[in-house]
């Protein structure tokens, strides 16, 4: 078993606040995550005017637009994120929800791209991502095999390396909805690495995903479940994140190579017990 790539999904849990954002990056570094991830949207491209004008109570006002704009980071914030992550020695990347957002991300020297489950059927966006030829994590929540087939075709056509991530797009997800055996099904069908993007509240499902061969784990992180935001409840606080990463690293070693070999220690016991 190789190194499991652990992604701390900050997403929009920073609540538009750079101080919260820096703390979440610090936690990801402290707990040994491999990368932090954000979400980038061009508000007027992703949502209709009617939707943006509709009512939504939030710390920023009473419309969906005020709420969405309150949560959206622009160039100044991403410049700071880029600088801060470089200082801390952790990779960052983001899932773009529209073509302009993906092009915005190109100004940074990012190693990875991410296709959010909601965007899996947006072929123009997939083409824009795939032509960058960066290693791309593709979440498969809410998707049929036919839809995943079509998405994978875009990445193959562009010779863009990719990894699928098994995912159930409910927030928070009930453990019994995880259907983790799909990890094996996806691996057999597509012949690529399969990760797991989880929205459950605890750690056991993510650990089971690793035991089933998941090559990456993505979990939302938060400073506190009671903070404002739709993703906070399905996120891990620092203590749980720390335990999860530690347990994943133990599992990597425990899974071994799959070859049946007797260790020197076992040989010694064998001589003693079998004579």
Protein backbone atom coordinates (compact mmCIF):
# COMPACT_ATOMS: atom_id res chain seq x y z
CA UNK A 1 0.00 0.00 0.00
CA UNK A 2 1.42 3.39 -0.99
CA UNK A 3 0.97 6.81 0.55
CA UNK A 4 -2.69 7.86 0.86
CA UNK A 5 -3.10 11.46 -0.33
CA UNK A 6 -5.07 13.26 2.40
CA UNK A 7 -6.89 16.44 1.39
CA UNK A 8 -8.33 18.84 3.97
CA UNK A 9 -11.28 20.45 2.20
CA UNK A 10 -11.60 24.00 3.53
CA UNK A 11 -14.17 24.72 0.82
CA UNK A 12 -16.27 27.62 2.08
CA UNK A 13 -15.81 26.84 5.79
CA UNK A 14 -13.56 29.92 6.07
CA UNK A 15 -16.78 31.99 5.95
CA UNK A 16 -15.04 34.67 3.88
CA UNK A 17 -12.57 35.36 6.71
CA UNK A 18 -8.81 35.12 6.04
CA UNK A 19 -8.02 34.64 9.71
CA UNK A 20 -10.25 31.53 9.87
CA UNK A 21 -8.72 30.40 6.57
CA UNK A 22 -5.15 30.65 7.90
CA UNK A 23 -6.11 28.71 11.04
CA UNK A 24 -7.62 25.92 8.94
CA UNK A 25 -4.45 25.76 6.80
CA UNK A 26 -2.38 25.63 10.02
CA UNK A 27 -4.49 22.68 11.24
CA UNK A 28 -4.07 20.82 7.96
CA UNK A 29 -0.29 21.27 8.22
CA UNK A 30 -0.20 20.34 11.90
CA UNK A 31 -2.17 17.12 11.38
CA UNK A 32 -0.06 15.97 8.42
CA UNK A 33 -2.50 16.46 5.53
CA UNK A 34 -0.96 16.53 2.04
CA UNK A 35 -3.04 19.42 0.65
CA UNK A 36 -5.84 21.88 1.36
CA UNK A 37 -8.65 22.49 -1.08
CA UNK A 38 -10.99 25.39 -1.81
CA UNK A 39 -13.98 26.08 -4.08
CA UNK A 40 -14.00 28.85 -6.69
CA UNK A 41 -17.14 30.26 -8.26
CA UNK A 42 -17.96 33.15 -10.57
CA UNK A 43 -21.25 33.94 -8.81
CA UNK A 44 -23.08 35.37 -11.84
CA UNK A 45 -22.07 32.44 -14.06
CA UNK A 46 -23.00 29.67 -11.63
CA UNK A 47 -26.35 31.03 -10.40
CA UNK A 48 -29.31 32.69 -12.11
CA UNK A 49 -30.33 36.26 -11.30
CA UNK A 50 -33.66 35.02 -9.91
CA UNK A 51 -31.85 32.69 -7.53
CA UNK A 52 -29.35 35.35 -6.44
CA UNK A 53 -32.18 37.83 -5.78
CA UNK A 54 -34.12 35.30 -3.69
CA UNK A 55 -34.30 35.43 0.10
CA UNK A 56 -31.61 33.89 2.29
CA UNK A 57 -30.80 34.91 5.82
CA UNK A 58 -27.03 35.05 6.42
CA UNK A 59 -24.40 37.08 8.32
CA UNK A 60 -23.96 39.19 5.15
CA UNK A 61 -27.61 40.08 4.42
CA UNK A 62 -30.93 38.66 3.30
CA UNK A 63 -30.33 37.54 -0.32
CA UNK A 64 -28.62 34.54 -1.86
CA UNK A 65 -26.26 36.97 -3.65
CA UNK A 66 -25.08 38.55 -0.38
CA UNK A 67 -24.53 35.10 1.11
CA UNK A 68 -22.62 33.78 -1.93
CA UNK A 69 -20.48 36.91 -2.28
CA UNK A 70 -19.76 36.89 1.45
CA UNK A 71 -18.27 33.39 1.09
CA UNK A 72 -16.33 33.98 -2.13
CA UNK A 73 -12.61 34.77 -2.08
CA UNK A 74 -11.13 36.93 -4.87
CA UNK A 75 -7.62 37.56 -6.19
CA UNK A 76 -6.28 39.28 -3.06
CA UNK A 77 -7.32 36.38 -0.82
CA UNK A 78 -6.05 33.69 -3.21
CA UNK A 79 -2.73 35.53 -3.55
CA UNK A 80 -2.50 35.36 0.23
CA UNK A 81 -3.55 31.68 0.33
CA UNK A 82 -0.89 30.88 -2.28
CA UNK A 83 1.82 32.71 -0.33
CA UNK A 84 0.74 31.26 3.04
CA UNK A 85 0.63 27.66 1.77
CA UNK A 86 4.10 28.05 0.22
CA UNK A 87 5.42 29.34 3.56
CA UNK A 88 3.82 26.40 5.37
CA UNK A 89 4.96 23.83 2.82
CA UNK A 90 1.52 22.46 1.89
CA UNK A 91 -0.08 22.18 -1.56
CA UNK A 92 -3.40 23.87 -2.27
CA UNK A 93 -5.86 23.52 -5.13
CA UNK A 94 -9.54 24.22 -5.79
CA UNK A 95 -12.61 22.88 -7.52
CA UNK A 96 -13.87 25.43 -10.05
CA UNK A 97 -17.62 25.64 -10.62
CA UNK A 98 -17.41 27.45 -13.97
CA UNK A 99 -14.94 28.09 -16.81
CA UNK A 100 -13.99 31.63 -15.69
CA UNK A 101 -13.18 30.28 -12.22
CA UNK A 102 -10.96 27.55 -13.73
CA UNK A 103 -9.14 30.15 -15.84
CA UNK A 104 -8.72 32.31 -12.73
CA UNK A 105 -6.92 29.41 -11.01
CA UNK A 106 -4.41 29.16 -13.87
CA UNK A 107 -2.47 32.15 -12.55
CA UNK A 108 -1.24 29.97 -9.67
CA UNK A 109 1.25 27.15 -10.07
CA UNK A 110 -1.08 24.41 -8.82
CA UNK A 111 -0.20 20.72 -9.12
CA UNK A 112 -3.77 19.42 -9.01
CA UNK A 113 -7.28 20.09 -10.26
CA UNK A 114 -10.59 18.86 -8.86
CA UNK A 115 -13.93 18.21 -10.50
CA UNK A 116 -16.73 18.60 -7.95
CA UNK A 117 -19.53 16.02 -8.13
CA UNK A 118 -21.98 18.76 -9.13
CA UNK A 119 -19.81 19.63 -12.15
CA UNK A 120 -19.22 16.10 -13.50
CA UNK A 121 -21.66 16.56 -16.42
CA UNK A 122 -20.44 20.06 -17.40
CA UNK A 123 -18.51 18.99 -20.51
CA UNK A 124 -17.17 22.44 -21.41
CA UNK A 125 -15.74 22.86 -17.92
CA UNK A 126 -14.26 19.34 -18.00
CA UNK A 127 -12.55 20.15 -21.31
CA UNK A 128 -11.12 23.39 -19.83
CA UNK A 129 -9.75 21.42 -16.86
CA UNK A 130 -8.46 18.44 -18.87
CA UNK A 131 -6.49 20.55 -21.35
CA UNK A 132 -4.29 21.73 -18.45
CA UNK A 133 -3.08 18.12 -18.12
CA UNK A 134 -2.70 18.40 -14.33
CA UNK A 135 -3.45 15.38 -12.13
CA UNK A 136 -7.20 15.73 -11.52
CA UNK A 137 -9.39 14.33 -8.74
CA UNK A 138 -12.89 13.64 -10.08
CA UNK A 139 -15.68 13.26 -7.50
CA UNK A 140 -18.46 10.90 -8.61
CA UNK A 141 -21.30 11.75 -6.18
CA UNK A 142 -24.82 11.85 -7.69
CA UNK A 143 -23.48 10.29 -10.90
CA UNK A 144 -24.40 7.27 -13.03
CA UNK A 145 -21.78 5.07 -14.72
CA UNK A 146 -22.81 6.56 -18.08
CA UNK A 147 -22.05 10.07 -16.79
CA UNK A 148 -18.71 8.97 -15.31
CA UNK A 149 -17.86 7.22 -18.62
CA UNK A 150 -18.46 10.46 -20.53
CA UNK A 151 -16.36 12.50 -18.07
CA UNK A 152 -13.49 9.99 -18.15
CA UNK A 153 -13.54 10.11 -21.96
CA UNK A 154 -12.74 13.86 -21.87
CA UNK A 155 -9.68 13.26 -19.67
CA UNK A 156 -8.48 10.32 -21.76
CA UNK A 157 -8.86 12.29 -24.99
CA UNK A 158 -6.72 15.10 -23.53
CA UNK A 159 -4.12 12.69 -22.08
CA UNK A 160 -4.83 14.21 -18.69
CA UNK A 161 -4.03 12.00 -15.66
CA UNK A 162 -6.98 11.55 -13.30
CA UNK A 163 -8.22 9.74 -10.21
CA UNK A 164 -11.89 9.06 -9.50
CA UNK A 165 -13.23 9.66 -6.00
CA UNK A 166 -16.15 7.63 -4.70
CA UNK A 167 -18.57 10.02 -3.01
CA UNK A 168 -22.11 10.26 -1.67
CA UNK A 169 -23.36 13.84 -2.01
CA UNK A 170 -25.47 14.13 1.14
CA UNK A 171 -24.42 16.49 3.97
CA UNK A 172 -23.86 15.01 6.48
CA UNK A 173 -23.93 11.51 5.01
CA UNK A 174 -25.34 8.64 7.07
CA UNK A 175 -22.73 5.88 7.52
CA UNK A 176 -25.09 3.30 6.05
CA UNK A 177 -25.26 5.32 2.80
CA UNK A 178 -21.50 5.13 2.14
CA UNK A 179 -21.66 2.06 -0.15
CA UNK A 180 -17.87 1.74 0.06
CA UNK A 181 -17.69 -1.40 -2.06
CA UNK A 182 -18.21 0.92 -5.04
CA UNK A 183 -14.50 1.76 -4.60
CA UNK A 184 -13.69 -1.74 -5.89
CA UNK A 185 -16.35 -1.51 -8.61
CA UNK A 186 -14.87 1.77 -9.90
CA UNK A 187 -11.33 0.38 -9.81
CA UNK A 188 -12.37 -2.68 -11.83
CA UNK A 189 -14.37 -0.63 -14.34
CA UNK A 190 -11.87 2.18 -14.97
CA UNK A 191 -8.49 0.67 -14.03
CA UNK A 192 -7.30 3.83 -12.26
CA UNK A 193 -6.66 4.91 -8.68
CA UNK A 194 -9.86 5.45 -6.71
CA UNK A 195 -10.11 7.85 -3.78
CA UNK A 196 -12.91 8.66 -1.35
CA UNK A 197 -14.47 12.06 -0.71
CA UNK A 198 -16.49 11.83 2.50
CA UNK A 199 -19.25 13.93 4.04
CA UNK A 200 -19.89 11.76 7.10
CA UNK A 201 -19.37 13.03 10.65
CA UNK A 202 -16.94 10.45 12.09
CA UNK A 203 -13.76 8.66 11.03
CA UNK A 204 -14.63 4.98 10.62
CA UNK A 205 -16.02 5.19 7.06
CA UNK A 206 -12.93 7.02 5.76
CA UNK A 207 -10.65 4.46 7.42
CA UNK A 208 -12.66 1.61 5.91
CA UNK A 209 -12.25 3.30 2.50
CA UNK A 210 -8.46 3.18 2.97
CA UNK A 211 -8.68 -0.49 3.97
CA UNK A 212 -10.57 -1.10 0.70
CA UNK A 213 -7.73 0.51 -1.25
CA UNK A 214 -8.71 4.20 -1.52
CA UNK A 215 -5.61 6.08 -2.69
CA UNK A 216 -6.85 9.50 -1.53
CA UNK A 217 -9.16 10.75 1.20
CA UNK A 218 -10.81 14.15 1.16
CA UNK A 219 -12.66 15.46 4.21
CA UNK A 220 -14.13 18.88 5.02
CA UNK A 221 -12.51 20.56 8.03
CA UNK A 222 -13.91 23.20 10.38
CA UNK A 223 -12.94 25.27 13.40
CA UNK A 224 -16.26 24.23 14.97
CA UNK A 225 -19.45 22.41 14.00
CA UNK A 226 -21.62 25.19 15.36
CA UNK A 227 -20.19 27.87 13.06
CA UNK A 228 -22.33 29.33 10.28
CA UNK A 229 -22.34 27.30 7.06
CA UNK A 230 -23.99 24.41 5.21
CA UNK A 231 -20.84 22.22 5.25
CA UNK A 232 -19.85 22.62 8.92
CA UNK A 233 -21.90 19.67 10.23
CA UNK A 234 -20.29 17.26 7.73
CA UNK A 235 -16.77 18.45 8.64
CA UNK A 236 -14.06 17.27 11.03
CA UNK A 237 -12.78 19.39 13.90
CA UNK A 238 -9.03 19.34 14.54
CA UNK A 239 -8.98 16.49 17.11
CA UNK A 240 -10.82 14.14 14.77
CA UNK A 241 -8.73 15.23 11.79
CA UNK A 242 -5.55 14.53 13.74
CA UNK A 243 -6.78 11.05 14.74
CA UNK A 244 -7.94 10.30 11.21
CA UNK A 245 -4.60 11.17 9.57
CA UNK A 246 -2.68 9.26 12.24
CA UNK A 247 -4.89 6.19 11.75
CA UNK A 248 -4.59 6.40 7.95
CA UNK A 249 -0.77 6.36 8.28
CA UNK A 250 -1.02 3.27 10.56
CA UNK A 251 -3.32 1.57 8.03
CA UNK A 252 -0.90 2.26 5.15
CA UNK A 253 1.74 0.23 7.00
CA UNK A 254 -0.70 -2.43 8.22
CA UNK A 255 -2.05 -3.15 4.73
CA UNK A 256 1.41 -4.23 3.53
CA UNK A 257 2.09 -5.63 0.07
CA UNK A 258 -0.40 -8.48 -0.23
CA UNK A 259 2.42 -11.02 -0.52
CA UNK A 260 2.45 -13.86 2.03
CA UNK A 261 5.89 -13.71 3.66
CA UNK A 262 7.20 -14.77 7.05
CA UNK A 263 8.99 -11.98 8.89
CA UNK A 264 12.19 -12.79 10.85
CA UNK A 265 10.14 -12.30 14.05
CA UNK A 266 7.53 -14.78 12.85
CA UNK A 267 10.26 -17.24 11.79
CA UNK A 268 11.61 -17.16 15.35
CA UNK A 269 8.17 -17.90 16.83
CA UNK A 270 7.65 -20.64 14.24
CA UNK A 271 10.88 -22.39 15.30
CA UNK A 272 9.83 -22.13 18.92
CA UNK A 273 6.23 -23.33 18.49
CA UNK A 274 6.68 -25.88 15.70
CA UNK A 275 10.10 -27.13 16.72
